[in-house]
PDB file of all heavy atoms in Angstrom:
ATOM      1  N   VAL A   1      97.134  78.032  85.374  1.00  0.00           N
ATOM      2  CA  VAL A   1      97.306  77.831  86.817  1.00  0.00           C
ATOM      3  C   VAL A   1      97.941  79.064  87.455  1.00  0.00           C
ATOM      4  O   VAL A   1      97.508  79.542  88.510  1.00  0.00           O
ATOM      5  CB  VAL A   1      98.158  76.580  87.095  1.00  0.00           C
ATOM      6  CG1 VAL A   1      98.402  76.423  88.599  1.00  0.00           C
ATOM      7  CG2 VAL A   1      97.482  75.333  86.541  1.00  0.00           C
ATOM      8  N   ILE A   2      98.983  79.605  86.791  1.00  0.00           N
ATOM      9  CA  ILE A   2      99.648  80.799  87.299  1.00  0.00           C
ATOM     10  C   ILE A   2      98.689  81.988  87.282  1.00  0.00           C
ATOM     11  O   ILE A   2      98.630  82.776  88.240  1.00  0.00           O
ATOM     12  CB  ILE A   2     100.907  81.108  86.467  1.00  0.00           C
ATOM     13  CG1 ILE A   2     101.953  80.000  86.662  1.00  0.00           C
ATOM     14  CG2 ILE A   2     101.496  82.463  86.858  1.00  0.00           C
ATOM     15  CD1 ILE A   2     103.200  80.173  85.804  1.00  0.00           C
ATOM     16  N   GLY A   3      97.936  82.136  86.196  1.00  0.00           N
ATOM     17  CA  GLY A   3      97.010  83.249  86.086  1.00  0.00           C
ATOM     18  C   GLY A   3      95.925  83.243  87.143  1.00  0.00           C
ATOM     19  O   GLY A   3      95.471  84.300  87.599  1.00  0.00           O
ATOM     20  N   GLU A   4      95.502  82.052  87.574  1.00  0.00           N
ATOM     21  CA  GLU A   4      94.451  81.950  88.587  1.00  0.00           C
ATOM     22  C   GLU A   4      94.984  82.149  90.005  1.00  0.00           C
ATOM     23  O   GLU A   4      94.289  82.702  90.859  1.00  0.00           O
ATOM     24  CB  GLU A   4      93.768  80.591  88.492  1.00  0.00           C
ATOM     25  CG  GLU A   4      92.928  80.415  87.223  1.00  0.00           C
ATOM     26  CD  GLU A   4      92.291  79.047  87.142  1.00  0.00           C
ATOM     27  OE1 GLU A   4      92.444  78.271  88.119  1.00  0.00           O
ATOM     28  OE2 GLU A   4      91.663  78.730  86.121  1.00  0.00           O
ATOM     29  N   SER A   5      96.208  81.699  90.266  1.00  0.00           N
ATOM     30  CA  SER A   5      96.737  81.731  91.630  1.00  0.00           C
ATOM     31  C   SER A   5      97.572  82.969  91.922  1.00  0.00           C
ATOM     32  O   SER A   5      97.673  83.384  93.081  1.00  0.00           O
ATOM     33  CB  SER A   5      97.588  80.478  91.893  1.00  0.00           C
ATOM     34  OG  SER A   5      98.641  80.381  90.946  1.00  0.00           O
ATOM     35  N   PHE A   6      98.156  83.584  90.890  1.00  0.00           N
ATOM     36  CA  PHE A   6      99.021  84.740  91.124  1.00  0.00           C
ATOM     37  C   PHE A   6      98.286  85.920  91.757  1.00  0.00           C
ATOM     38  O   PHE A   6      98.840  86.581  92.649  1.00  0.00           O
ATOM     39  CB  PHE A   6      99.701  85.163  89.822  1.00  0.00           C
ATOM     40  CG  PHE A   6     100.526  86.415  89.959  1.00  0.00           C
ATOM     41  CD1 PHE A   6     101.665  86.426  90.748  1.00  0.00           C
ATOM     42  CD2 PHE A   6     100.162  87.591  89.310  1.00  0.00           C
ATOM     43  CE1 PHE A   6     102.424  87.579  90.881  1.00  0.00           C
ATOM     44  CE2 PHE A   6     100.907  88.741  89.441  1.00  0.00           C
ATOM     45  CZ  PHE A   6     102.043  88.736  90.226  1.00  0.00           C
ATOM     46  N   PRO A   7      97.061  86.277  91.329  1.00  0.00           N
ATOM     47  CA  PRO A   7      96.380  87.410  91.974  1.00  0.00           C
ATOM     48  C   PRO A   7      96.231  87.250  93.484  1.00  0.00           C
ATOM     49  O   PRO A   7      96.350  88.235  94.225  1.00  0.00           O
ATOM     50  CB  PRO A   7      95.010  87.426  91.278  1.00  0.00           C
ATOM     51  CG  PRO A   7      95.266  86.836  89.937  1.00  0.00           C
ATOM     52  CD  PRO A   7      96.286  85.759  90.178  1.00  0.00           C
ATOM     53  N   THR A   8      95.992  86.043  93.943  1.00  0.00           N
ATOM     54  CA  THR A   8      95.875  85.818  95.387  1.00  0.00           C
ATOM     55  C   THR A   8      97.186  86.117  96.091  1.00  0.00           C
ATOM     56  O   THR A   8      97.220  86.820  97.111  1.00  0.00           O
ATOM     57  CB  THR A   8      95.455  84.361  95.668  1.00  0.00           C
ATOM     58  OG1 THR A   8      94.199  84.102  95.047  1.00  0.00           O
ATOM     59  CG2 THR A   8      95.346  84.109  97.164  1.00  0.00           C
ATOM     60  N   SER A   9      98.286  85.594  95.537  1.00  0.00           N
ATOM     61  CA  SER A   9      99.599  85.867  96.125  1.00  0.00           C
ATOM     62  C   SER A   9      99.950  87.342  96.035  1.00  0.00           C
ATOM     63  O   SER A   9     100.574  87.900  96.941  1.00  0.00           O
ATOM     64  CB  SER A   9     100.671  85.039  95.409  1.00  0.00           C
ATOM     65  OG  SER A   9     100.470  83.653  95.607  1.00  0.00           O
ATOM     66  N   ALA A  10      99.552  87.987  94.936  1.00  0.00           N
ATOM     67  CA  ALA A  10      99.861  89.401  94.747  1.00  0.00           C
ATOM     68  C   ALA A  10      99.147  90.267  95.781  1.00  0.00           C
ATOM     69  O   ALA A  10      99.744  91.178  96.368  1.00  0.00           O
ATOM     70  CB  ALA A  10      99.477  89.838  93.334  1.00  0.00           C
ATOM     71  N   VAL A  11      97.866  89.995  96.021  1.00  0.00           N
ATOM     72  CA  VAL A  11      97.109  90.763  97.013  1.00  0.00           C
ATOM     73  C   VAL A  11      97.718  90.583  98.400  1.00  0.00           C
ATOM     74  O   VAL A  11      97.932  91.560  99.138  1.00  0.00           O
ATOM     75  CB  VAL A  11      95.630  90.328  97.020  1.00  0.00           C
ATOM     76  CG1 VAL A  11      94.891  90.944  98.202  1.00  0.00           C
ATOM     77  CG2 VAL A  11      94.954  90.738  95.714  1.00  0.00           C
ATOM     78  N   LEU A  12      97.995  89.338  98.764  1.00  0.00           N
ATOM     79  CA  LEU A  12      98.605  89.069 100.063  1.00  0.00           C
ATOM     80  C   LEU A  12      99.961  89.753 100.185  1.00  0.00           C
ATOM     81  O   LEU A  12     100.274  90.377 101.204  1.00  0.00           O
ATOM     82  CB  LEU A  12      98.767  87.552 100.247  1.00  0.00           C
ATOM     83  CG  LEU A  12      99.476  87.091 101.528  1.00  0.00           C
ATOM     84  CD1 LEU A  12      98.694  87.517 102.762  1.00  0.00           C
ATOM     85  CD2 LEU A  12      99.670  85.575 101.513  1.00  0.00           C
ATOM     86  N   GLY A  13     100.770  89.670  99.121  1.00  0.00           N
ATOM     87  CA  GLY A  13     102.097  90.285  99.157  1.00  0.00           C
ATOM     88  C   GLY A  13     102.050  91.795  99.236  1.00  0.00           C
ATOM     89  O   GLY A  13     102.822  92.411  99.985  1.00  0.00           O
ATOM     90  N   LEU A  14     101.149  92.428  98.491  1.00  0.00           N
ATOM     91  CA  LEU A  14     101.050  93.892  98.503  1.00  0.00           C
ATOM     92  C   LEU A  14     100.622  94.409  99.874  1.00  0.00           C
ATOM     93  O   LEU A  14     101.138  95.424 100.355  1.00  0.00           O
ATOM     94  CB  LEU A  14     100.066  94.358  97.433  1.00  0.00           C
ATOM     95  CG  LEU A  14     100.555  94.239  95.982  1.00  0.00           C
ATOM     96  CD1 LEU A  14      99.421  94.571  95.012  1.00  0.00           C
ATOM     97  CD2 LEU A  14     101.748  95.151  95.734  1.00  0.00           C
ATOM     98  N   ILE A  15      99.677  93.709 100.497  1.00  0.00           N
ATOM     99  CA  ILE A  15      99.255  94.109 101.842  1.00  0.00           C
ATOM    100  C   ILE A  15     100.413  93.960 102.829  1.00  0.00           C
ATOM    101  O   ILE A  15     100.655  94.848 103.666  1.00  0.00           O
ATOM    102  CB  ILE A  15      98.043  93.279 102.299  1.00  0.00           C
ATOM    103  CG1 ILE A  15      96.831  93.583 101.413  1.00  0.00           C
ATOM    104  CG2 ILE A  15      97.712  93.551 103.759  1.00  0.00           C
ATOM    105  CD1 ILE A  15      95.636  92.702 101.683  1.00  0.00           C
ATOM    106  N   ALA A  16     101.139  92.860 102.731  1.00  0.00           N
ATOM    107  CA  ALA A  16     102.279  92.640 103.628  1.00  0.00           C
ATOM    108  C   ALA A  16     103.377  93.666 103.387  1.00  0.00           C
ATOM    109  O   ALA A  16     104.001  94.162 104.336  1.00  0.00           O
ATOM    110  CB  ALA A  16     102.824  91.224 103.427  1.00  0.00           C
ATOM    111  N   ILE A  17     103.630  94.013 102.123  1.00  0.00           N
ATOM    112  CA  ILE A  17     104.661  95.011 101.805  1.00  0.00           C
ATOM    113  C   ILE A  17     104.270  96.375 102.357  1.00  0.00           C
ATOM    114  O   ILE A  17     105.093  97.080 102.966  1.00  0.00           O
ATOM    115  CB  ILE A  17     104.874  95.091 100.288  1.00  0.00           C
ATOM    116  CG1 ILE A  17     105.562  93.825  99.777  1.00  0.00           C
ATOM    117  CG2 ILE A  17     105.717  96.315  99.911  1.00  0.00           C
ATOM    118  CD1 ILE A  17     105.579  93.717  98.265  1.00  0.00           C
ATOM    119  N   ALA A  18     103.015  96.777 102.131  1.00  0.00           N
ATOM    120  CA  ALA A  18     102.558  98.086 102.617  1.00  0.00           C
ATOM    121  C   ALA A  18     102.701  98.178 104.140  1.00  0.00           C
ATOM    122  O   ALA A  18     103.192  99.192 104.669  1.00  0.00           O
ATOM    123  CB  ALA A  18     101.110  98.317 102.205  1.00  0.00           C
ATOM    124  N   PHE A  19     102.299  97.130 104.840  1.00  0.00           N
ATOM    125  CA  PHE A  19     102.387  97.139 106.298  1.00  0.00           C
ATOM    126  C   PHE A  19     103.837  97.157 106.768  1.00  0.00           C
ATOM    127  O   PHE A  19     104.213  97.952 107.647  1.00  0.00           O
ATOM    128  CB  PHE A  19     101.661  95.915 106.864  1.00  0.00           C
ATOM    129  CG  PHE A  19     101.759  95.790 108.360  1.00  0.00           C
ATOM    130  CD1 PHE A  19     100.972  96.569 109.185  1.00  0.00           C
ATOM    131  CD2 PHE A  19     102.649  94.888 108.937  1.00  0.00           C
ATOM    132  CE1 PHE A  19     101.065  96.459 110.564  1.00  0.00           C
ATOM    133  CE2 PHE A  19     102.752  94.777 110.311  1.00  0.00           C
ATOM    134  CZ  PHE A  19     101.959  95.563 111.133  1.00  0.00           C
ATOM    135  N   SER A  20     104.669  96.296 106.190  1.00  0.00           N
ATOM    136  CA  SER A  20     106.061  96.191 106.636  1.00  0.00           C
ATOM    137  C   SER A  20     106.851  97.454 106.335  1.00  0.00           C
ATOM    138  O   SER A  20     107.674  97.888 107.152  1.00  0.00           O
ATOM    139  CB  SER A  20     106.731  94.983 105.991  1.00  0.00           C
ATOM    140  OG  SER A  20     106.784  95.119 104.584  1.00  0.00           O
ATOM    141  N   GLN A  21     106.614  98.062 105.164  1.00  0.00           N
ATOM    142  CA  GLN A  21     107.355  99.274 104.820  1.00  0.00           C
ATOM    143  C   GLN A  21     106.913 100.457 105.677  1.00  0.00           C
ATOM    144  O   GLN A  21     107.752 101.224 106.172  1.00  0.00           O
ATOM    145  CB  GLN A  21     107.159  99.602 103.336  1.00  0.00           C
ATOM    146  CG  GLN A  21     107.825  98.629 102.391  1.00  0.00           C
ATOM    147  CD  GLN A  21     109.329  98.582 102.565  1.00  0.00           C
ATOM    148  OE1 GLN A  21     110.014  99.603 102.549  1.00  0.00           O
ATOM    149  NE2 GLN A  21     109.860  97.375 102.745  1.00  0.00           N
ATOM    150  N   LEU A  22     105.619 100.612 105.877  1.00  0.00           N
ATOM    151  CA  LEU A  22     105.122 101.721 106.692  1.00  0.00           C
ATOM    152  C   LEU A  22     105.628 101.618 108.124  1.00  0.00           C
ATOM    153  O   LEU A  22     106.170 102.581 108.681  1.00  0.00           O
ATOM    154  CB  LEU A  22     103.586 101.730 106.665  1.00  0.00           C
ATOM    155  CG  LEU A  22     102.900 102.827 107.494  1.00  0.00           C
ATOM    156  CD1 LEU A  22     103.285 104.205 106.976  1.00  0.00           C
ATOM    157  CD2 LEU A  22     101.388 102.663 107.462  1.00  0.00           C
ATOM    158  N   CYS A  23     105.470 100.445 108.710  1.00  0.00           N
ATOM    159  CA  CYS A  23     105.917 100.254 110.095  1.00  0.00           C
ATOM    160  C   CYS A  23     107.436 100.246 110.194  1.00  0.00           C
ATOM    161  O   CYS A  23     108.015 100.823 111.116  1.00  0.00           O
ATOM    162  CB  CYS A  23     105.344  98.959 110.663  1.00  0.00           C
ATOM    163  SG  CYS A  23     103.555  98.954 110.851  1.00  0.00           S
ATOM    164  N   GLY A  24     108.115  99.600 109.229  1.00  0.00           N
ATOM    165  CA  GLY A  24     109.566  99.505 109.274  1.00  0.00           C
ATOM    166  C   GLY A  24     110.242 100.861 109.161  1.00  0.00           C
ATOM    167  O   GLY A  24     111.184 101.166 109.908  1.00  0.00           O
ATOM    168  N   LEU A  25     109.778 101.691 108.232  1.00  0.00           N
ATOM    169  CA  LEU A  25     110.356 103.031 108.080  1.00  0.00           C
ATOM    170  C   LEU A  25     110.093 103.879 109.320  1.00  0.00           C
ATOM    171  O   LEU A  25     110.984 104.596 109.802  1.00  0.00           O
ATOM    172  CB  LEU A  25     109.779 103.718 106.840  1.00  0.00           C
ATOM    173  CG  LEU A  25     110.148 103.104 105.492  1.00  0.00           C
ATOM    174  CD1 LEU A  25     109.434 103.828 104.362  1.00  0.00           C
ATOM    175  CD2 LEU A  25     111.651 103.139 105.261  1.00  0.00           C
ATOM    176  N   THR A  26     108.879 103.783 109.857  1.00  0.00           N
ATOM    177  CA  THR A  26     108.546 104.545 111.073  1.00  0.00           C
ATOM    178  C   THR A  26     109.389 104.093 112.253  1.00  0.00           C
ATOM    179  O   THR A  26     109.951 104.919 112.992  1.00  0.00           O
ATOM    180  CB  THR A  26     107.053 104.380 111.409  1.00  0.00           C
ATOM    181  OG1 THR A  26     106.265 104.795 110.294  1.00  0.00           O
ATOM    182  CG2 THR A  26     106.686 105.215 112.620  1.00  0.00           C
ATOM    183  N   PHE A  27     109.490 102.786 112.444  1.00  0.00           N
ATOM    184  CA  PHE A  27     110.297 102.261 113.544  1.00  0.00           C
ATOM    185  C   PHE A  27     111.766 102.646 113.382  1.00  0.00           C
ATOM    186  O   PHE A  27     112.450 102.974 114.362  1.00  0.00           O
ATOM    187  CB  PHE A  27     110.169 100.741 113.618  1.00  0.00           C
ATOM    188  CG  PHE A  27     108.828 100.258 114.071  1.00  0.00           C
ATOM    189  CD1 PHE A  27     108.497  98.903 114.024  1.00  0.00           C
ATOM    190  CD2 PHE A  27     107.869 101.142 114.556  1.00  0.00           C
ATOM    191  CE1 PHE A  27     107.257  98.457 114.432  1.00  0.00           C
ATOM    192  CE2 PHE A  27     106.620 100.700 114.961  1.00  0.00           C
ATOM    193  CZ  PHE A  27     106.320  99.354 114.901  1.00  0.00           C
ATOM    194  N   GLY A  28     112.279 102.583 112.143  1.00  0.00           N
ATOM    195  CA  GLY A  28     113.677 102.929 111.913  1.00  0.00           C
ATOM    196  C   GLY A  28     113.975 104.380 112.219  1.00  0.00           C
ATOM    197  O   GLY A  28     115.005 104.709 112.828  1.00  0.00           O
ATOM    198  N   ILE A  29     113.057 105.283 111.825  1.00  0.00           N
ATOM    199  CA  ILE A  29     113.240 106.715 112.110  1.00  0.00           C
ATOM    200  C   ILE A  29     113.207 106.970 113.612  1.00  0.00           C
ATOM    201  O   ILE A  29     114.065 107.672 114.162  1.00  0.00           O
ATOM    202  CB  ILE A  29     112.160 107.539 111.388  1.00  0.00           C
ATOM    203  CG1 ILE A  29     112.346 107.455 109.872  1.00  0.00           C
ATOM    204  CG2 ILE A  29     112.196 108.992 111.850  1.00  0.00           C
ATOM    205  CD1 ILE A  29     111.227 108.082 109.079  1.00  0.00           C
ATOM    206  N   LEU A  30     112.219 106.387 114.285  1.00  0.00           N
ATOM    207  CA  LEU A  30     112.107 106.580 115.734  1.00  0.00           C
ATOM    208  C   LEU A  30     113.310 106.002 116.463  1.00  0.00           C
ATOM    209  O   LEU A  30     113.831 106.611 117.417  1.00  0.00           O
ATOM    210  CB  LEU A  30     110.821 105.925 116.247  1.00  0.00           C
ATOM    211  CG  LEU A  30     109.510 106.575 115.796  1.00  0.00           C
ATOM    212  CD1 LEU A  30     108.318 105.772 116.291  1.00  0.00           C
ATOM    213  CD2 LEU A  30     109.415 108.011 116.310  1.00  0.00           C
ATOM    214  N   SER A  31     113.763 104.838 116.033  1.00  0.00           N
ATOM    215  CA  SER A  31     114.904 104.205 116.685  1.00  0.00           C
ATOM    216  C   SER A  31     116.155 105.059 116.558  1.00  0.00           C
ATOM    217  O   SER A  31     116.941 105.184 117.504  1.00  0.00           O
ATOM    218  CB  SER A  31     115.141 102.813 116.076  1.00  0.00           C
ATOM    219  OG  SER A  31     116.210 102.157 116.719  1.00  0.00           O
ATOM    220  N   ALA A  32     116.354 105.666 115.381  1.00  0.00           N
ATOM    221  CA  ALA A  32     117.530 106.522 115.176  1.00  0.00           C
ATOM    222  C   ALA A  32     117.442 107.799 116.008  1.00  0.00           C
ATOM    223  O   ALA A  32     118.457 108.288 116.522  1.00  0.00           O
ATOM    224  CB  ALA A  32     117.659 106.869 113.693  1.00  0.00           C
ATOM    225  N   GLN A  33     116.240 108.356 116.142  1.00  0.00           N
ATOM    226  CA  GLN A  33     116.076 109.589 116.914  1.00  0.00           C
ATOM    227  C   GLN A  33     116.267 109.361 118.411  1.00  0.00           C
ATOM    228  O   GLN A  33     116.685 110.268 119.141  1.00  0.00           O
ATOM    229  CB  GLN A  33     114.691 110.192 116.658  1.00  0.00           C
ATOM    230  CG  GLN A  33     114.414 110.528 115.207  1.00  0.00           C
ATOM    231  CD  GLN A  33     115.480 111.399 114.583  1.00  0.00           C
ATOM    232  OE1 GLN A  33     115.885 112.420 115.162  1.00  0.00           O
ATOM    233  NE2 GLN A  33     115.961 111.017 113.404  1.00  0.00           N
TER     234      GLN A  33
END
């Protein structure tokens, strides 16, 4: 069950992490400047 469902959660999580980190770091730098 874990082996079948984990890839779905992993793909969703990786996309969310990439978006949040890219935007979050950019927003944080701009906000400080």
